[in-house]
Amino acid sequence: MRGRATRAIAGTYSPTTPRGAPTYYARLLESARTESSSPASEQWSAHPTHGTCRRSRNTPRIATLVRLLAKLEPDYARVLRPDDGVEPDIRFYRDEHDAPDALVRALDELRRAGYRGQDIVVLSTRAAGSSAERITEPPWSDRLRRLSWSSDGHTPYSTIHAFKGLEAPAVIVTDVSEISGPTAEALFYVAVTRPTERLVMLIAEAARPVVVSTLLQQTRNRQAAHA
């Protein structure tokens, strides 16, 4: 087993700064434009204290997504993990009925990649009626358990708030219907900084224009800064 949900601690890897950063931004933008898998959310509160976020425990490519969609200012001073070459995955589910199916597809892909049990955590913006709760067909209906009930053999799911301060090798963030505004950015920031290796974002199709426009604007800003 690769690992399980643990308290986030400073990594022991040598500091790594993303190279060719504009390329990362362009790939994320292209992913948001073209990925198709494609609502409901809990109320998001408290803007992230970006001024204190000096070091990232994520991979450089996940840190890039944080910079762009959470509009991280000031930027990270250091990224503690090495670049593993794996891009964060942004997908869009069509509607409420498609959301659990999109989650199952993402879970299947991570399992094929070698992640098992508590290697994976599913985070939702919802306190009730999340996509994980609405999966009724085996095998995932048997494999998924609430975070407080999960054992070594199960894959836990919880709200984003409940997983604050924890981390896991692979994180799927689902039931995302909004990413703009201080409160949305705060919750988004908590969610996308939980994985240490793999990140999959499942976002409502209705939010695609905002995701694309945010990535485009932030990409332009970052590319200008690297010029």
C-alpha atoms as a PDB file:
ATOM      1  CA  MET A   1       0.000   0.000   0.000  1.00  0.00           C
ATOM      2  CA  ARG A   2       1.324   3.424  -0.930  1.00  0.00           C
ATOM      3  CA  GLY A   3       0.109   5.151   2.211  1.00  0.00           C
ATOM      4  CA  ARG A   4      -2.954   6.427   3.974  1.00  0.00           C
ATOM      5  CA  ALA A   5      -4.472   9.679   5.125  1.00  0.00           C
ATOM      6  CA  THR A   6      -2.044  11.288   7.521  1.00  0.00           C
ATOM      7  CA  ARG A   7      -1.432  14.573   9.228  1.00  0.00           C
ATOM      8  CA  ALA A   8       0.282  16.895   6.796  1.00  0.00           C
ATOM      9  CA  ILE A   9       3.934  17.385   7.680  1.00  0.00           C
ATOM     10  CA  ALA A  10       6.770  19.120   5.937  1.00  0.00           C
ATOM     11  CA  GLY A  11       8.269  16.911   3.243  1.00  0.00           C
ATOM     12  CA  THR A  12      11.821  15.638   3.303  1.00  0.00           C
ATOM     13  CA  TYR A  13      12.380  16.063  -0.419  1.00  0.00           C
ATOM     14  CA  SER A  14      14.821  18.585  -1.769  1.00  0.00           C
ATOM     15  CA  PRO A  15      13.102  21.853  -2.698  1.00  0.00           C
ATOM     16  CA  THR A  16      11.926  21.813  -6.299  1.00  0.00           C
ATOM     17  CA  THR A  17      10.895  24.785  -8.372  1.00  0.00           C
ATOM     18  CA  PRO A  18       8.724  24.029 -11.447  1.00  0.00           C
ATOM     19  CA  ARG A  19      10.627  24.472 -14.656  1.00  0.00           C
ATOM     20  CA  GLY A  20       8.944  25.506 -17.877  1.00  0.00           C
ATOM     21  CA  ALA A  21       6.071  26.764 -15.760  1.00  0.00           C
ATOM     22  CA  PRO A  22       4.171  28.376 -18.666  1.00  0.00           C
ATOM     23  CA  THR A  23       3.922  24.911 -20.245  1.00  0.00           C
ATOM     24  CA  TYR A  24       2.180  23.603 -17.126  1.00  0.00           C
ATOM     25  CA  TYR A  25      -0.298  26.478 -17.281  1.00  0.00           C
ATOM     26  CA  ALA A  26      -1.034  25.840 -20.947  1.00  0.00           C
ATOM     27  CA  ARG A  27      -1.655  22.133 -20.315  1.00  0.00           C
ATOM     28  CA  LEU A  28      -4.028  22.864 -17.451  1.00  0.00           C
ATOM     29  CA  LEU A  29      -5.912  25.317 -19.634  1.00  0.00           C
ATOM     30  CA  GLU A  30      -6.174  22.792 -22.451  1.00  0.00           C
ATOM     31  CA  SER A  31      -7.404  20.159 -19.996  1.00  0.00           C
ATOM     32  CA  ALA A  32     -10.154  22.456 -18.742  1.00  0.00           C
ATOM     33  CA  ARG A  33     -11.211  23.249 -22.291  1.00  0.00           C
ATOM     34  CA  THR A  34     -11.343  19.704 -23.605  1.00  0.00           C
ATOM     35  CA  GLU A  35     -11.841  17.152 -20.794  1.00  0.00           C
ATOM     36  CA  SER A  36     -15.312  15.681 -20.791  1.00  0.00           C
ATOM     37  CA  SER A  37     -16.807  13.459 -18.132  1.00  0.00           C
ATOM     38  CA  SER A  38     -18.970  16.358 -16.894  1.00  0.00           C
ATOM     39  CA  PRO A  39     -24.190  20.400  -8.664  1.00  0.00           C
ATOM     40  CA  ALA A  40     -24.480  21.344  -5.281  1.00  0.00           C
ATOM     41  CA  SER A  41     -22.126  22.684  -2.681  1.00  0.00           C
ATOM     42  CA  GLU A  42     -21.896  23.510   0.942  1.00  0.00           C
ATOM     43  CA  GLN A  43     -21.423  27.151   1.881  1.00  0.00           C
ATOM     44  CA  TRP A  44     -17.761  28.066   1.633  1.00  0.00           C
ATOM     45  CA  SER A  45     -16.315  30.266   4.332  1.00  0.00           C
ATOM     46  CA  ALA A  46     -13.135  32.099   5.256  1.00  0.00           C
ATOM     47  CA  HIS A  47     -10.744  33.296   2.620  1.00  0.00           C
ATOM     48  CA  PRO A  48      -7.451  31.348   2.635  1.00  0.00           C
ATOM     49  CA  THR A  49      -4.591  33.069   4.416  1.00  0.00           C
ATOM     50  CA  HIS A  50      -2.477  33.170   1.280  1.00  0.00           C
ATOM     51  CA  GLY A  51       0.126  35.382   2.885  1.00  0.00           C
ATOM     52  CA  THR A  52       1.261  32.528   5.123  1.00  0.00           C
ATOM     53  CA  CYS A  53       1.497  29.862   2.403  1.00  0.00           C
ATOM     54  CA  ARG A  54       5.251  29.981   1.908  1.00  0.00           C
ATOM     55  CA  ARG A  55       5.946  26.319   1.088  1.00  0.00           C
ATOM     56  CA  SER A  56       3.961  23.707  -0.814  1.00  0.00           C
ATOM     57  CA  ARG A  57       3.885  20.037   0.213  1.00  0.00           C
ATOM     58  CA  ASN A  58       2.320  19.103  -3.138  1.00  0.00           C
ATOM     59  CA  THR A  59       4.036  18.162  -6.358  1.00  0.00           C
ATOM     60  CA  PRO A  60       5.041  21.132  -8.552  1.00  0.00           C
ATOM     61  CA  ARG A  61       2.182  20.476 -10.990  1.00  0.00           C
ATOM     62  CA  ILE A  62      -0.453  20.385  -8.261  1.00  0.00           C
ATOM     63  CA  ALA A  63       1.119  23.514  -6.789  1.00  0.00           C
ATOM     64  CA  THR A  64       0.642  25.123 -10.203  1.00  0.00           C
ATOM     65  CA  LEU A  65      -3.090  24.376 -10.098  1.00  0.00           C
ATOM     66  CA  VAL A  66      -3.266  25.953  -6.638  1.00  0.00           C
ATOM     67  CA  ARG A  67      -1.502  29.057  -7.952  1.00  0.00           C
ATOM     68  CA  LEU A  68      -3.936  29.393 -10.839  1.00  0.00           C
ATOM     69  CA  LEU A  69      -7.395  28.489  -9.606  1.00  0.00           C
ATOM     70  CA  ALA A  70      -6.981  29.529  -5.961  1.00  0.00           C
ATOM     71  CA  LYS A  71      -5.251  32.733  -7.175  1.00  0.00           C
ATOM     72  CA  LEU A  72      -2.473  32.265  -4.673  1.00  0.00           C
ATOM     73  CA  GLU A  73      -0.872  35.580  -3.754  1.00  0.00           C
ATOM     74  CA  PRO A  74       1.897  35.805  -2.779  1.00  0.00           C
ATOM     75  CA  ASP A  75       3.221  32.758  -4.578  1.00  0.00           C
ATOM     76  CA  TYR A  76       4.830  29.757  -2.906  1.00  0.00           C
ATOM     77  CA  ALA A  77       8.442  30.357  -1.973  1.00  0.00           C
ATOM     78  CA  ARG A  78       9.285  26.653  -2.205  1.00  0.00           C
ATOM     79  CA  VAL A  79       7.788  23.407  -3.497  1.00  0.00           C
ATOM     80  CA  LEU A  80       8.974  20.549  -1.296  1.00  0.00           C
ATOM     81  CA  ARG A  81       8.247  17.530  -3.495  1.00  0.00           C
ATOM     82  CA  PRO A  82       9.945  16.593  -6.772  1.00  0.00           C
ATOM     83  CA  ASP A  83       8.188  16.741 -10.126  1.00  0.00           C
ATOM     84  CA  ASP A  84       6.736  13.289 -10.877  1.00  0.00           C
ATOM     85  CA  GLY A  85       5.570  14.310 -14.359  1.00  0.00           C
ATOM     86  CA  VAL A  86       1.866  13.684 -13.586  1.00  0.00           C
ATOM     87  CA  GLU A  87      -0.527  16.517 -14.362  1.00  0.00           C
ATOM     88  CA  PRO A  88      -3.538  17.196 -12.128  1.00  0.00           C
ATOM     89  CA  ASP A  89      -6.672  15.976 -13.868  1.00  0.00           C
ATOM     90  CA  ILE A  90      -9.606  18.356 -14.433  1.00  0.00           C
ATOM     91  CA  ARG A  91     -12.847  16.759 -15.618  1.00  0.00           C
ATOM     92  CA  PHE A  92     -16.408  17.980 -16.001  1.00  0.00           C
ATOM     93  CA  TYR A  93     -19.531  15.998 -15.256  1.00  0.00           C
ATOM     94  CA  ARG A  94     -22.643  16.752 -17.289  1.00  0.00           C
ATOM     95  CA  ASP A  95     -25.268  16.919 -14.571  1.00  0.00           C
ATOM     96  CA  GLU A  96     -26.308  15.663 -11.148  1.00  0.00           C
ATOM     97  CA  HIS A  97     -26.995  12.150 -12.448  1.00  0.00           C
ATOM     98  CA  ASP A  98     -23.597  11.903 -14.142  1.00  0.00           C
ATOM     99  CA  ALA A  99     -21.593  12.970 -11.070  1.00  0.00           C
ATOM    100  CA  PRO A 100     -21.496   9.539  -9.320  1.00  0.00           C
ATOM    101  CA  ASP A 101     -20.608   7.831 -12.616  1.00  0.00           C
ATOM    102  CA  ALA A 102     -17.791  10.329 -13.181  1.00  0.00           C
ATOM    103  CA  LEU A 103     -16.516   9.532  -9.690  1.00  0.00           C
ATOM    104  CA  VAL A 104     -16.587   5.776 -10.366  1.00  0.00           C
ATOM    105  CA  ARG A 105     -14.584   6.284 -13.556  1.00  0.00           C
ATOM    106  CA  ALA A 106     -11.973   8.281 -11.665  1.00  0.00           C
ATOM    107  CA  LEU A 107     -11.799   5.680  -8.874  1.00  0.00           C
ATOM    108  CA  ASP A 108     -11.390   2.863 -11.406  1.00  0.00           C
ATOM    109  CA  GLU A 109      -8.523   4.688 -13.109  1.00  0.00           C
ATOM    110  CA  LEU A 110      -6.685   5.299  -9.838  1.00  0.00           C
ATOM    111  CA  ARG A 111      -7.133   1.661  -8.872  1.00  0.00           C
ATOM    112  CA  ARG A 112      -5.674   0.563 -12.211  1.00  0.00           C
ATOM    113  CA  ALA A 113      -2.750   2.883 -11.464  1.00  0.00           C
ATOM    114  CA  GLY A 114      -2.038   0.917  -8.280  1.00  0.00           C
ATOM    115  CA  TYR A 115      -3.815   2.965  -5.604  1.00  0.00           C
ATOM    116  CA  ARG A 116      -5.739   0.941  -3.024  1.00  0.00           C
ATOM    117  CA  GLY A 117      -7.893   1.532   0.048  1.00  0.00           C
ATOM    118  CA  GLN A 118      -6.844   4.590   1.981  1.00  0.00           C
ATOM    119  CA  ASP A 119      -4.341   5.576  -0.700  1.00  0.00           C
ATOM    120  CA  ILE A 120      -7.384   7.362  -2.175  1.00  0.00           C
ATOM    121  CA  VAL A 121      -9.643   9.895  -0.470  1.00  0.00           C
ATOM    122  CA  VAL A 122     -12.790  11.385  -2.003  1.00  0.00           C
ATOM    123  CA  LEU A 123     -13.566  14.946  -0.897  1.00  0.00           C
ATOM    124  CA  SER A 124     -16.859  16.689  -1.518  1.00  0.00           C
ATOM    125  CA  THR A 125     -18.213  20.192  -1.060  1.00  0.00           C
ATOM    126  CA  ARG A 126     -21.367  18.540   0.325  1.00  0.00           C
ATOM    127  CA  ALA A 127     -22.102  17.485   3.873  1.00  0.00           C
ATOM    128  CA  ALA A 128     -24.983  15.305   2.632  1.00  0.00           C
ATOM    129  CA  GLY A 129     -25.926  13.787  -0.702  1.00  0.00           C
ATOM    130  CA  SER A 130     -22.387  13.661  -2.063  1.00  0.00           C
ATOM    131  CA  SER A 131     -21.511  11.707  -5.181  1.00  0.00           C
ATOM    132  CA  ALA A 132     -19.756   9.063  -3.057  1.00  0.00           C
ATOM    133  CA  GLU A 133     -22.898   8.537  -0.977  1.00  0.00           C
ATOM    134  CA  ARG A 134     -24.977   8.109  -4.131  1.00  0.00           C
ATOM    135  CA  ILE A 135     -22.897   5.269  -5.581  1.00  0.00           C
ATOM    136  CA  THR A 136     -25.141   2.222  -5.171  1.00  0.00           C
ATOM    137  CA  GLU A 137     -23.518  -0.408  -7.390  1.00  0.00           C
ATOM    138  CA  PRO A 138     -20.643  -2.674  -6.361  1.00  0.00           C
ATOM    139  CA  PRO A 139     -17.726  -2.805  -6.187  1.00  0.00           C
ATOM    140  CA  TRP A 140     -17.416   0.857  -5.148  1.00  0.00           C
ATOM    141  CA  SER A 141     -20.561   0.852  -3.030  1.00  0.00           C
ATOM    142  CA  ASP A 142     -18.726  -1.714  -0.888  1.00  0.00           C
ATOM    143  CA  ARG A 143     -15.299  -0.095  -1.032  1.00  0.00           C
ATOM    144  CA  LEU A 144     -16.319   3.446  -0.031  1.00  0.00           C
ATOM    145  CA  ARG A 145     -16.898   4.437   3.590  1.00  0.00           C
ATOM    146  CA  ARG A 146     -17.240   7.697   5.487  1.00  0.00           C
ATOM    147  CA  LEU A 147     -13.886   8.892   6.789  1.00  0.00           C
ATOM    148  CA  SER A 148     -14.917   8.279  10.417  1.00  0.00           C
ATOM    149  CA  TRP A 149     -16.008   4.702   9.597  1.00  0.00           C
ATOM    150  CA  SER A 150     -13.313   3.613   7.175  1.00  0.00           C
ATOM    151  CA  SER A 151     -10.793   0.840   7.843  1.00  0.00           C
ATOM    152  CA  ASP A 152      -7.582  -0.076   6.061  1.00  0.00           C
ATOM    153  CA  GLY A 153      -9.448  -1.896   3.312  1.00  0.00           C
ATOM    154  CA  HIS A 154     -11.879   0.910   2.502  1.00  0.00           C
ATOM    155  CA  THR A 155     -11.576   4.130   0.547  1.00  0.00           C
ATOM    156  CA  PRO A 156     -12.766   7.031   2.731  1.00  0.00           C
ATOM    157  CA  TYR A 157     -14.879   9.986   1.687  1.00  0.00           C
ATOM    158  CA  SER A 158     -15.641  13.173   3.574  1.00  0.00           C
ATOM    159  CA  THR A 159     -16.303  16.858   3.230  1.00  0.00           C
ATOM    160  CA  ILE A 160     -13.375  19.075   2.317  1.00  0.00           C
ATOM    161  CA  HIS A 161     -13.599  20.817   5.704  1.00  0.00           C
ATOM    162  CA  ALA A 162     -13.396  17.513   7.604  1.00  0.00           C
ATOM    163  CA  PHE A 163     -10.149  16.618   5.811  1.00  0.00           C
ATOM    164  CA  LYS A 164      -8.413  19.911   6.522  1.00  0.00           C
ATOM    165  CA  GLY A 165      -4.923  19.283   7.915  1.00  0.00           C
ATOM    166  CA  LEU A 166      -4.800  15.744   6.469  1.00  0.00           C
ATOM    167  CA  GLU A 167      -3.262  14.445   3.264  1.00  0.00           C
ATOM    168  CA  ALA A 168      -3.390  11.326   1.091  1.00  0.00           C
ATOM    169  CA  PRO A 169      -1.474  10.021  -1.932  1.00  0.00           C
ATOM    170  CA  ALA A 170      -4.475  10.403  -4.271  1.00  0.00           C
ATOM    171  CA  VAL A 171      -7.391  12.796  -3.814  1.00  0.00           C
ATOM    172  CA  ILE A 172     -10.568  13.129  -5.870  1.00  0.00           C
ATOM    173  CA  VAL A 173     -12.453  16.381  -5.320  1.00  0.00           C
ATOM    174  CA  THR A 174     -16.045  16.199  -6.508  1.00  0.00           C
ATOM    175  CA  ASP A 175     -19.409  18.003  -6.394  1.00  0.00           C
ATOM    176  CA  VAL A 176     -17.697  21.277  -7.299  1.00  0.00           C
ATOM    177  CA  SER A 177     -20.142  23.766  -8.788  1.00  0.00           C
ATOM    178  CA  GLU A 178     -18.272  27.016  -8.185  1.00  0.00           C
ATOM    179  CA  ILE A 179     -14.644  28.120  -7.913  1.00  0.00           C
ATOM    180  CA  SER A 180     -14.836  31.917  -7.987  1.00  0.00           C
ATOM    181  CA  GLY A 181     -15.159  34.327  -5.087  1.00  0.00           C
ATOM    182  CA  PRO A 182     -13.249  34.468  -1.787  1.00  0.00           C
ATOM    183  CA  THR A 183     -15.201  31.730  -0.011  1.00  0.00           C
ATOM    184  CA  ALA A 184     -15.109  29.348  -3.000  1.00  0.00           C
ATOM    185  CA  GLU A 185     -11.389  29.938  -3.471  1.00  0.00           C
ATOM    186  CA  ALA A 186     -10.808  29.225   0.225  1.00  0.00           C
ATOM    187  CA  LEU A 187     -12.462  25.805   0.105  1.00  0.00           C
ATOM    188  CA  PHE A 188     -10.875  25.032  -3.242  1.00  0.00           C
ATOM    189  CA  TYR A 189      -7.457  25.850  -1.779  1.00  0.00           C
ATOM    190  CA  VAL A 190      -7.975  23.394   1.093  1.00  0.00           C
ATOM    191  CA  ALA A 191      -9.146  20.657  -1.300  1.00  0.00           C
ATOM    192  CA  VAL A 192      -6.387  20.809  -3.888  1.00  0.00           C
ATOM    193  CA  THR A 193      -3.580  20.968  -1.328  1.00  0.00           C
ATOM    194  CA  ARG A 194      -4.511  17.585   0.232  1.00  0.00           C
ATOM    195  CA  PRO A 195      -2.919  15.147  -2.307  1.00  0.00           C
ATOM    196  CA  THR A 196       0.761  14.238  -2.262  1.00  0.00           C
ATOM    197  CA  GLU A 197       0.767  12.452  -5.642  1.00  0.00           C
ATOM    198  CA  ARG A 198      -2.435  12.481  -7.691  1.00  0.00           C
ATOM    199  CA  LEU A 199      -5.277  14.995  -7.938  1.00  0.00           C
ATOM    200  CA  VAL A 200      -8.537  14.576  -9.856  1.00  0.00           C
ATOM    201  CA  MET A 201     -11.032  17.448  -9.933  1.00  0.00           C
ATOM    202  CA  LEU A 202     -14.639  16.632 -10.896  1.00  0.00           C
ATOM    203  CA  ILE A 203     -16.404  19.893 -11.660  1.00  0.00           C
ATOM    204  CA  ALA A 204     -19.937  20.619 -12.871  1.00  0.00           C
ATOM    205  CA  GLU A 205     -20.157  21.389 -16.573  1.00  0.00           C
ATOM    206  CA  ALA A 206     -21.892  24.670 -15.734  1.00  0.00           C
ATOM    207  CA  ALA A 207     -18.671  25.858 -14.083  1.00  0.00           C
ATOM    208  CA  ARG A 208     -16.484  25.151 -17.132  1.00  0.00           C
ATOM    209  CA  PRO A 209     -16.583  28.745 -18.508  1.00  0.00           C
ATOM    210  CA  VAL A 210     -15.390  30.143 -15.183  1.00  0.00           C
ATOM    211  CA  VAL A 211     -12.639  27.521 -14.903  1.00  0.00           C
ATOM    212  CA  VAL A 212     -11.423  28.230 -18.436  1.00  0.00           C
ATOM    213  CA  SER A 213     -11.542  32.007 -18.054  1.00  0.00           C
ATOM    214  CA  THR A 214      -9.745  31.855 -14.695  1.00  0.00           C
ATOM    215  CA  LEU A 215      -7.028  29.574 -16.069  1.00  0.00           C
ATOM    216  CA  LEU A 216      -6.662  31.769 -19.149  1.00  0.00           C
ATOM    217  CA  GLN A 217      -6.332  34.992 -17.170  1.00  0.00           C
ATOM    218  CA  GLN A 218      -3.979  33.503 -14.589  1.00  0.00           C
ATOM    219  CA  THR A 219      -1.940  31.832 -17.351  1.00  0.00           C
ATOM    220  CA  ARG A 220      -1.489  35.186 -19.067  1.00  0.00           C
ATOM    221  CA  ASN A 221      -0.460  36.770 -15.777  1.00  0.00           C
ATOM    222  CA  ARG A 222       2.061  34.022 -15.018  1.00  0.00           C
ATOM    223  CA  GLN A 223       3.495  33.959 -18.513  1.00  0.00           C
ATOM    224  CA  ALA A 224       3.981  37.711 -18.382  1.00  0.00           C
ATOM    225  CA  ALA A 225       5.793  37.285 -15.063  1.00  0.00           C
ATOM    226  CA  HIS A 226       8.096  34.647 -16.602  1.00  0.00           C
ATOM    227  CA  ALA A 227       8.766  36.684 -19.754  1.00  0.00           C
END
